[in-house]
Amino acid sequence: MKATVKWQSDMKFTGETETGKRIEMDGDGTQASPMEAVLLAVGACSSIDVVEILKKSRQAISDCVCELEATRADEAPRVFTDIHAHYSVTGESLSEKHVQRAVQLSAEKYCSVMLMLEGKVKITTSFSIQS
């Protein structure tokens, strides 16, 4: 996997993957910051797992929202110290056991972004089922 990050102006940068996908980031608050992009990557990666696992379990999932809350160190480097991911999963007759297992499998086995942060960031999860 390859990517390029190019300085545009001021503190604005454009990242482009080798497949042509682009993301704009900056350090002055007009775009997502690199740390915000990492937090979004945690939510996206794990949500993909949760949805995929529930679909494979033949659960009638219709929506999944991952709300993330992160704490950063006070001193530089201001790394994440804690991340909590809460999944609100909607569907028809969803099994609590299946949703719990999907969230657990994502966090412990499948989400490469979460696993990459393992040992450095305390990551916790929770979920709720909407009908």
N, C-alpha and C. Protein backbone atom coordinates (compact mmCIF):
# COMPACT_ATOMS: atom_id res chain seq x y z
N MET A 1 0.84 -1.17 0.00
CA MET A 1 0.00 0.00 0.00
C MET A 1 0.89 1.24 0.00
N LYS A 2 0.53 2.19 -0.82
CA LYS A 2 1.29 3.43 -0.91
C LYS A 2 0.34 4.62 -0.87
N ALA A 3 0.87 5.75 -0.44
CA ALA A 3 0.11 6.99 -0.42
C ALA A 3 1.07 8.16 -0.47
N THR A 4 0.55 9.31 -0.84
CA THR A 4 1.33 10.53 -0.92
C THR A 4 0.57 11.63 -0.21
N VAL A 5 1.26 12.43 0.58
CA VAL A 5 0.67 13.60 1.21
C VAL A 5 1.40 14.81 0.65
N LYS A 6 0.62 15.75 0.06
CA LYS A 6 1.22 16.92 -0.58
C LYS A 6 0.73 18.18 0.10
N TRP A 7 1.67 19.04 0.41
CA TRP A 7 1.37 20.34 1.00
C TRP A 7 0.70 21.21 -0.05
N GLN A 8 -0.44 21.81 0.31
CA GLN A 8 -1.17 22.69 -0.60
C GLN A 8 -0.86 24.15 -0.34
N SER A 9 -1.11 24.61 0.88
CA SER A 9 -0.82 25.99 1.30
C SER A 9 -1.03 26.08 2.79
N ASP A 10 -0.51 27.12 3.38
CA ASP A 10 -0.65 27.31 4.83
C ASP A 10 -0.38 25.99 5.54
N MET A 11 -1.40 25.45 6.25
CA MET A 11 -1.27 24.17 6.93
C MET A 11 -2.17 23.12 6.29
N LYS A 12 -2.50 23.29 5.01
CA LYS A 12 -3.39 22.37 4.30
C LYS A 12 -2.58 21.35 3.50
N PHE A 13 -3.04 20.09 3.59
CA PHE A 13 -2.39 18.99 2.91
C PHE A 13 -3.44 18.11 2.25
N THR A 14 -3.10 17.52 1.12
CA THR A 14 -3.97 16.55 0.46
C THR A 14 -3.25 15.21 0.45
N GLY A 15 -3.95 14.21 0.96
CA GLY A 15 -3.43 12.86 0.93
C GLY A 15 -4.10 12.11 -0.21
N GLU A 16 -3.32 11.34 -0.94
CA GLU A 16 -3.87 10.55 -2.04
C GLU A 16 -3.29 9.14 -1.98
N THR A 17 -4.18 8.16 -2.06
CA THR A 17 -3.75 6.77 -2.04
C THR A 17 -3.34 6.35 -3.45
N GLU A 18 -2.67 5.21 -3.53
CA GLU A 18 -2.26 4.72 -4.84
C GLU A 18 -3.45 4.35 -5.72
N THR A 19 -4.63 4.21 -5.12
CA THR A 19 -5.84 3.91 -5.90
C THR A 19 -6.61 5.18 -6.28
N GLY A 20 -6.04 6.34 -5.93
CA GLY A 20 -6.64 7.60 -6.35
C GLY A 20 -7.63 8.22 -5.38
N LYS A 21 -7.82 7.61 -4.20
CA LYS A 21 -8.71 8.21 -3.20
C LYS A 21 -7.99 9.37 -2.53
N ARG A 22 -8.77 10.44 -2.23
CA ARG A 22 -8.17 11.64 -1.65
C ARG A 22 -8.84 12.03 -0.34
N ILE A 23 -8.04 12.62 0.53
CA ILE A 23 -8.54 13.20 1.77
C ILE A 23 -7.78 14.49 2.02
N GLU A 24 -8.52 15.50 2.44
CA GLU A 24 -7.89 16.78 2.76
C GLU A 24 -7.79 16.91 4.27
N MET A 25 -6.64 17.35 4.73
CA MET A 25 -6.38 17.53 6.16
C MET A 25 -5.63 18.84 6.35
N ASP A 26 -5.70 19.34 7.58
CA ASP A 26 -4.91 20.53 7.88
C ASP A 26 -4.63 20.64 9.36
N GLY A 27 -3.85 21.62 9.67
CA GLY A 27 -3.50 21.88 11.06
C GLY A 27 -4.11 23.14 11.59
N ASP A 28 -5.01 23.77 10.82
CA ASP A 28 -5.59 25.03 11.29
C ASP A 28 -7.11 24.98 11.46
N GLY A 29 -7.70 23.80 11.37
CA GLY A 29 -9.11 23.65 11.70
C GLY A 29 -10.12 23.80 10.59
N THR A 30 -9.70 23.98 9.35
CA THR A 30 -10.68 24.08 8.26
C THR A 30 -11.01 22.71 7.66
N GLN A 31 -10.13 21.74 7.86
CA GLN A 31 -10.35 20.35 7.43
C GLN A 31 -10.09 19.45 8.64
N ALA A 32 -10.32 18.17 8.47
CA ALA A 32 -10.00 17.23 9.55
C ALA A 32 -8.50 17.27 9.83
N SER A 33 -8.15 17.22 11.10
CA SER A 33 -6.74 17.13 11.46
C SER A 33 -6.28 15.68 11.29
N PRO A 34 -4.98 15.45 11.23
CA PRO A 34 -4.51 14.06 11.14
C PRO A 34 -5.01 13.19 12.30
N MET A 35 -5.08 13.73 13.51
CA MET A 35 -5.57 12.96 14.65
C MET A 35 -7.06 12.66 14.51
N GLU A 36 -7.82 13.61 13.98
CA GLU A 36 -9.23 13.35 13.72
C GLU A 36 -9.39 12.26 12.67
N ALA A 37 -8.51 12.26 11.68
CA ALA A 37 -8.55 11.23 10.64
C ALA A 37 -8.27 9.85 11.23
N VAL A 38 -7.35 9.76 12.17
CA VAL A 38 -7.07 8.49 12.84
C VAL A 38 -8.30 8.02 13.62
N LEU A 39 -8.93 8.95 14.34
CA LEU A 39 -10.12 8.60 15.11
C LEU A 39 -11.25 8.13 14.19
N LEU A 40 -11.44 8.84 13.07
CA LEU A 40 -12.45 8.41 12.10
C LEU A 40 -12.11 7.04 11.52
N ALA A 41 -10.82 6.78 11.31
CA ALA A 41 -10.39 5.48 10.78
C ALA A 41 -10.73 4.36 11.76
N VAL A 42 -10.58 4.61 13.05
CA VAL A 42 -10.97 3.61 14.06
C VAL A 42 -12.45 3.28 13.91
N GLY A 43 -13.28 4.32 13.83
CA GLY A 43 -14.73 4.11 13.72
C GLY A 43 -15.13 3.44 12.42
N ALA A 44 -14.54 3.86 11.33
CA ALA A 44 -14.90 3.28 10.03
C ALA A 44 -14.46 1.83 9.94
N CYS A 45 -13.25 1.55 10.33
CA CYS A 45 -12.71 0.19 10.25
C CYS A 45 -13.54 -0.77 11.10
N SER A 46 -13.80 -0.38 12.33
CA SER A 46 -14.54 -1.28 13.21
C SER A 46 -16.01 -1.39 12.80
N SER A 47 -16.60 -0.32 12.30
CA SER A 47 -17.99 -0.38 11.85
C SER A 47 -18.14 -1.31 10.65
N ILE A 48 -17.18 -1.28 9.75
CA ILE A 48 -17.19 -2.21 8.61
C ILE A 48 -17.23 -3.64 9.13
N ASP A 49 -16.39 -3.94 10.11
CA ASP A 49 -16.37 -5.28 10.69
C ASP A 49 -17.72 -5.64 11.31
N VAL A 50 -18.26 -4.75 12.13
CA VAL A 50 -19.52 -5.02 12.83
C VAL A 50 -20.63 -5.31 11.82
N VAL A 51 -20.76 -4.47 10.81
CA VAL A 51 -21.81 -4.67 9.80
C VAL A 51 -21.59 -5.99 9.06
N GLU A 52 -20.36 -6.25 8.65
CA GLU A 52 -20.06 -7.48 7.90
C GLU A 52 -20.34 -8.73 8.74
N ILE A 53 -19.92 -8.71 9.99
CA ILE A 53 -20.14 -9.86 10.88
C ILE A 53 -21.63 -10.09 11.09
N LEU A 54 -22.39 -9.02 11.32
CA LEU A 54 -23.83 -9.16 11.53
C LEU A 54 -24.54 -9.66 10.27
N LYS A 55 -24.12 -9.18 9.11
CA LYS A 55 -24.73 -9.68 7.86
C LYS A 55 -24.43 -11.16 7.67
N LYS A 56 -23.19 -11.57 7.95
CA LYS A 56 -22.84 -12.99 7.81
C LYS A 56 -23.59 -13.85 8.81
N SER A 57 -24.00 -13.25 9.93
CA SER A 57 -24.78 -13.96 10.94
C SER A 57 -26.27 -13.92 10.63
N ARG A 58 -26.59 -13.39 9.46
CA ARG A 58 -27.99 -13.28 8.99
C ARG A 58 -28.85 -12.42 9.91
N GLN A 59 -28.23 -11.39 10.47
CA GLN A 59 -28.97 -10.42 11.27
C GLN A 59 -29.50 -9.34 10.34
N ALA A 60 -30.73 -8.91 10.57
CA ALA A 60 -31.39 -7.92 9.69
C ALA A 60 -30.98 -6.51 10.10
N ILE A 61 -29.71 -6.18 9.91
CA ILE A 61 -29.19 -4.86 10.27
C ILE A 61 -29.57 -3.84 9.20
N SER A 62 -30.01 -2.66 9.64
CA SER A 62 -30.36 -1.61 8.69
C SER A 62 -29.55 -0.33 8.89
N ASP A 63 -28.85 -0.22 10.03
CA ASP A 63 -28.05 0.98 10.28
C ASP A 63 -27.02 0.68 11.36
N CYS A 64 -25.91 1.38 11.28
CA CYS A 64 -24.86 1.27 12.30
C CYS A 64 -24.19 2.63 12.40
N VAL A 65 -24.22 3.20 13.59
CA VAL A 65 -23.57 4.48 13.85
C VAL A 65 -22.55 4.25 14.96
N CYS A 66 -21.32 4.67 14.72
CA CYS A 66 -20.27 4.53 15.73
C CYS A 66 -19.91 5.92 16.23
N GLU A 67 -20.18 6.15 17.51
CA GLU A 67 -19.82 7.42 18.15
C GLU A 67 -18.53 7.21 18.91
N LEU A 68 -17.55 8.06 18.65
CA LEU A 68 -16.23 7.90 19.24
C LEU A 68 -15.91 9.06 20.17
N GLU A 69 -15.25 8.73 21.26
CA GLU A 69 -14.77 9.76 22.17
C GLU A 69 -13.34 9.41 22.54
N ALA A 70 -12.45 10.36 22.34
CA ALA A 70 -11.03 10.11 22.58
C ALA A 70 -10.47 11.13 23.55
N THR A 71 -9.48 10.68 24.32
CA THR A 71 -8.73 11.55 25.21
C THR A 71 -7.29 11.56 24.72
N ARG A 72 -6.71 12.76 24.74
CA ARG A 72 -5.31 12.89 24.31
C ARG A 72 -4.43 13.29 25.48
N ALA A 73 -3.17 12.95 25.38
CA ALA A 73 -2.20 13.35 26.41
C ALA A 73 -2.10 14.86 26.46
N ASP A 74 -1.84 15.38 27.65
CA ASP A 74 -1.73 16.84 27.83
C ASP A 74 -0.45 17.41 27.23
N GLU A 75 0.60 16.62 27.26
CA GLU A 75 1.91 17.08 26.78
C GLU A 75 2.24 16.47 25.43
N ALA A 76 3.09 17.16 24.68
CA ALA A 76 3.53 16.66 23.37
C ALA A 76 4.42 15.44 23.56
N PRO A 77 4.29 14.44 22.73
CA PRO A 77 3.34 14.36 21.63
C PRO A 77 1.96 14.04 22.19
N ARG A 78 0.94 14.71 21.70
CA ARG A 78 -0.42 14.61 22.24
C ARG A 78 -1.14 13.40 21.64
N VAL A 79 -0.61 12.23 21.96
CA VAL A 79 -1.17 10.98 21.44
C VAL A 79 -2.51 10.68 22.12
N PHE A 80 -3.28 9.80 21.51
CA PHE A 80 -4.49 9.32 22.16
C PHE A 80 -4.09 8.44 23.33
N THR A 81 -4.75 8.63 24.46
CA THR A 81 -4.54 7.76 25.61
C THR A 81 -5.71 6.79 25.76
N ASP A 82 -6.91 7.26 25.41
CA ASP A 82 -8.12 6.45 25.53
C ASP A 82 -9.04 6.74 24.34
N ILE A 83 -9.68 5.69 23.85
CA ILE A 83 -10.73 5.84 22.84
C ILE A 83 -11.89 4.95 23.25
N HIS A 84 -13.09 5.52 23.25
CA HIS A 84 -14.29 4.72 23.48
C HIS A 84 -15.14 4.77 22.22
N ALA A 85 -15.55 3.61 21.76
CA ALA A 85 -16.41 3.50 20.58
C ALA A 85 -17.75 2.92 21.00
N HIS A 86 -18.82 3.67 20.73
CA HIS A 86 -20.17 3.19 21.04
C HIS A 86 -20.90 2.97 19.71
N TYR A 87 -21.41 1.75 19.53
CA TYR A 87 -22.11 1.38 18.30
C TYR A 87 -23.61 1.37 18.57
N SER A 88 -24.35 2.17 17.82
CA SER A 88 -25.81 2.13 17.85
C SER A 88 -26.23 1.36 16.60
N VAL A 89 -26.74 0.17 16.82
CA VAL A 89 -27.07 -0.72 15.72
C VAL A 89 -28.59 -0.83 15.61
N THR A 90 -29.09 -0.65 14.41
CA THR A 90 -30.53 -0.71 14.16
C THR A 90 -30.83 -1.87 13.24
N GLY A 91 -31.94 -2.52 13.52
CA GLY A 91 -32.37 -3.62 12.66
C GLY A 91 -33.60 -4.29 13.23
N GLU A 92 -34.06 -5.26 12.51
CA GLU A 92 -35.27 -5.99 12.90
C GLU A 92 -34.88 -7.24 13.67
N SER A 93 -35.37 -7.34 14.90
CA SER A 93 -35.14 -8.52 15.76
C SER A 93 -33.66 -8.87 15.90
N LEU A 94 -32.82 -7.85 16.09
CA LEU A 94 -31.39 -8.11 16.26
C LEU A 94 -31.14 -8.85 17.57
N SER A 95 -30.26 -9.81 17.52
CA SER A 95 -29.87 -10.57 18.69
C SER A 95 -28.78 -9.81 19.45
N GLU A 96 -29.02 -9.55 20.72
CA GLU A 96 -28.03 -8.86 21.54
C GLU A 96 -26.72 -9.64 21.57
N LYS A 97 -26.83 -10.95 21.65
CA LYS A 97 -25.66 -11.82 21.65
C LYS A 97 -24.83 -11.64 20.37
N HIS A 98 -25.50 -11.57 19.23
CA HIS A 98 -24.79 -11.40 17.96
C HIS A 98 -24.13 -10.03 17.86
N VAL A 99 -24.82 -8.99 18.30
CA VAL A 99 -24.25 -7.63 18.25
C VAL A 99 -23.05 -7.55 19.18
N GLN A 100 -23.19 -8.06 20.39
CA GLN A 100 -22.07 -8.05 21.33
C GLN A 100 -20.86 -8.78 20.76
N ARG A 101 -21.10 -9.93 20.16
CA ARG A 101 -20.01 -10.72 19.58
C ARG A 101 -19.36 -10.00 18.40
N ALA A 102 -20.17 -9.34 17.57
CA ALA A 102 -19.62 -8.60 16.43
C ALA A 102 -18.71 -7.47 16.89
N VAL A 103 -19.15 -6.72 17.90
CA VAL A 103 -18.33 -5.62 18.44
C VAL A 103 -17.05 -6.18 19.05
N GLN A 104 -17.17 -7.26 19.80
CA GLN A 104 -16.00 -7.87 20.43
C GLN A 104 -15.00 -8.40 19.40
N LEU A 105 -15.50 -9.10 18.38
CA LEU A 105 -14.61 -9.63 17.34
C LEU A 105 -13.89 -8.52 16.60
N SER A 106 -14.61 -7.44 16.32
CA SER A 106 -13.97 -6.32 15.64
C SER A 106 -12.82 -5.77 16.48
N ALA A 107 -13.11 -5.49 17.75
CA ALA A 107 -12.10 -4.87 18.62
C ALA A 107 -10.92 -5.78 18.92
N GLU A 108 -11.18 -7.07 19.04
CA GLU A 108 -10.13 -7.99 19.48
C GLU A 108 -9.43 -8.77 18.37
N LYS A 109 -10.08 -8.85 17.18
CA LYS A 109 -9.50 -9.74 16.16
C LYS A 109 -9.39 -9.12 14.77
N TYR A 110 -10.36 -8.30 14.35
CA TYR A 110 -10.43 -7.91 12.94
C TYR A 110 -10.07 -6.46 12.61
N CYS A 111 -10.35 -5.53 13.49
CA CYS A 111 -10.13 -4.12 13.14
C CYS A 111 -8.64 -3.78 13.18
N SER A 112 -8.04 -3.70 12.02
CA SER A 112 -6.60 -3.47 11.94
C SER A 112 -6.20 -2.12 12.54
N VAL A 113 -7.06 -1.12 12.45
CA VAL A 113 -6.72 0.18 13.02
C VAL A 113 -6.70 0.10 14.54
N MET A 114 -7.73 -0.51 15.13
CA MET A 114 -7.74 -0.68 16.59
C MET A 114 -6.55 -1.52 17.04
N LEU A 115 -6.30 -2.61 16.34
CA LEU A 115 -5.22 -3.50 16.73
C LEU A 115 -3.85 -2.85 16.58
N MET A 116 -3.72 -1.94 15.63
CA MET A 116 -2.47 -1.21 15.45
C MET A 116 -2.19 -0.30 16.66
N LEU A 117 -3.26 0.18 17.29
CA LEU A 117 -3.13 1.07 18.45
C LEU A 117 -3.00 0.31 19.77
N GLU A 118 -3.24 -1.01 19.72
CA GLU A 118 -3.23 -1.85 20.91
C GLU A 118 -1.91 -1.72 21.66
N GLY A 119 -2.00 -1.62 22.98
CA GLY A 119 -0.80 -1.48 23.79
C GLY A 119 -0.38 -0.04 23.99
N LYS A 120 -0.90 0.85 23.16
CA LYS A 120 -0.58 2.28 23.25
C LYS A 120 -1.78 3.10 23.72
N VAL A 121 -2.97 2.64 23.30
CA VAL A 121 -4.21 3.37 23.57
C VAL A 121 -5.19 2.41 24.24
N LYS A 122 -5.81 2.86 25.33
CA LYS A 122 -6.84 2.04 25.97
C LYS A 122 -8.12 2.21 25.15
N ILE A 123 -8.56 1.11 24.52
CA ILE A 123 -9.77 1.17 23.69
C ILE A 123 -10.87 0.37 24.35
N THR A 124 -12.02 1.04 24.54
CA THR A 124 -13.19 0.38 25.10
C THR A 124 -14.34 0.51 24.12
N THR A 125 -15.30 -0.39 24.25
CA THR A 125 -16.46 -0.38 23.36
C THR A 125 -17.75 -0.58 24.16
N SER A 126 -18.83 -0.16 23.55
CA SER A 126 -20.16 -0.44 24.06
C SER A 126 -21.11 -0.43 22.88
N PHE A 127 -22.34 -0.89 23.10
CA PHE A 127 -23.30 -0.88 22.00
C PHE A 127 -24.70 -0.74 22.55
N SER A 128 -25.59 -0.31 21.67
CA SER A 128 -27.01 -0.30 21.97
C SER A 128 -27.72 -0.76 20.71
N ILE A 129 -28.89 -1.35 20.91
CA ILE A 129 -29.67 -1.86 19.79
C ILE A 129 -30.92 -1.00 19.67
N GLN A 130 -31.14 -0.47 18.48
CA GLN A 130 -32.33 0.33 18.17
C GLN A 130 -33.25 -0.54 17.32
N SER A 131 -34.55 -0.32 17.48
CA SER A 131 -35.46 -1.10 16.64
C SER A 131 -36.25 -0.20 15.71
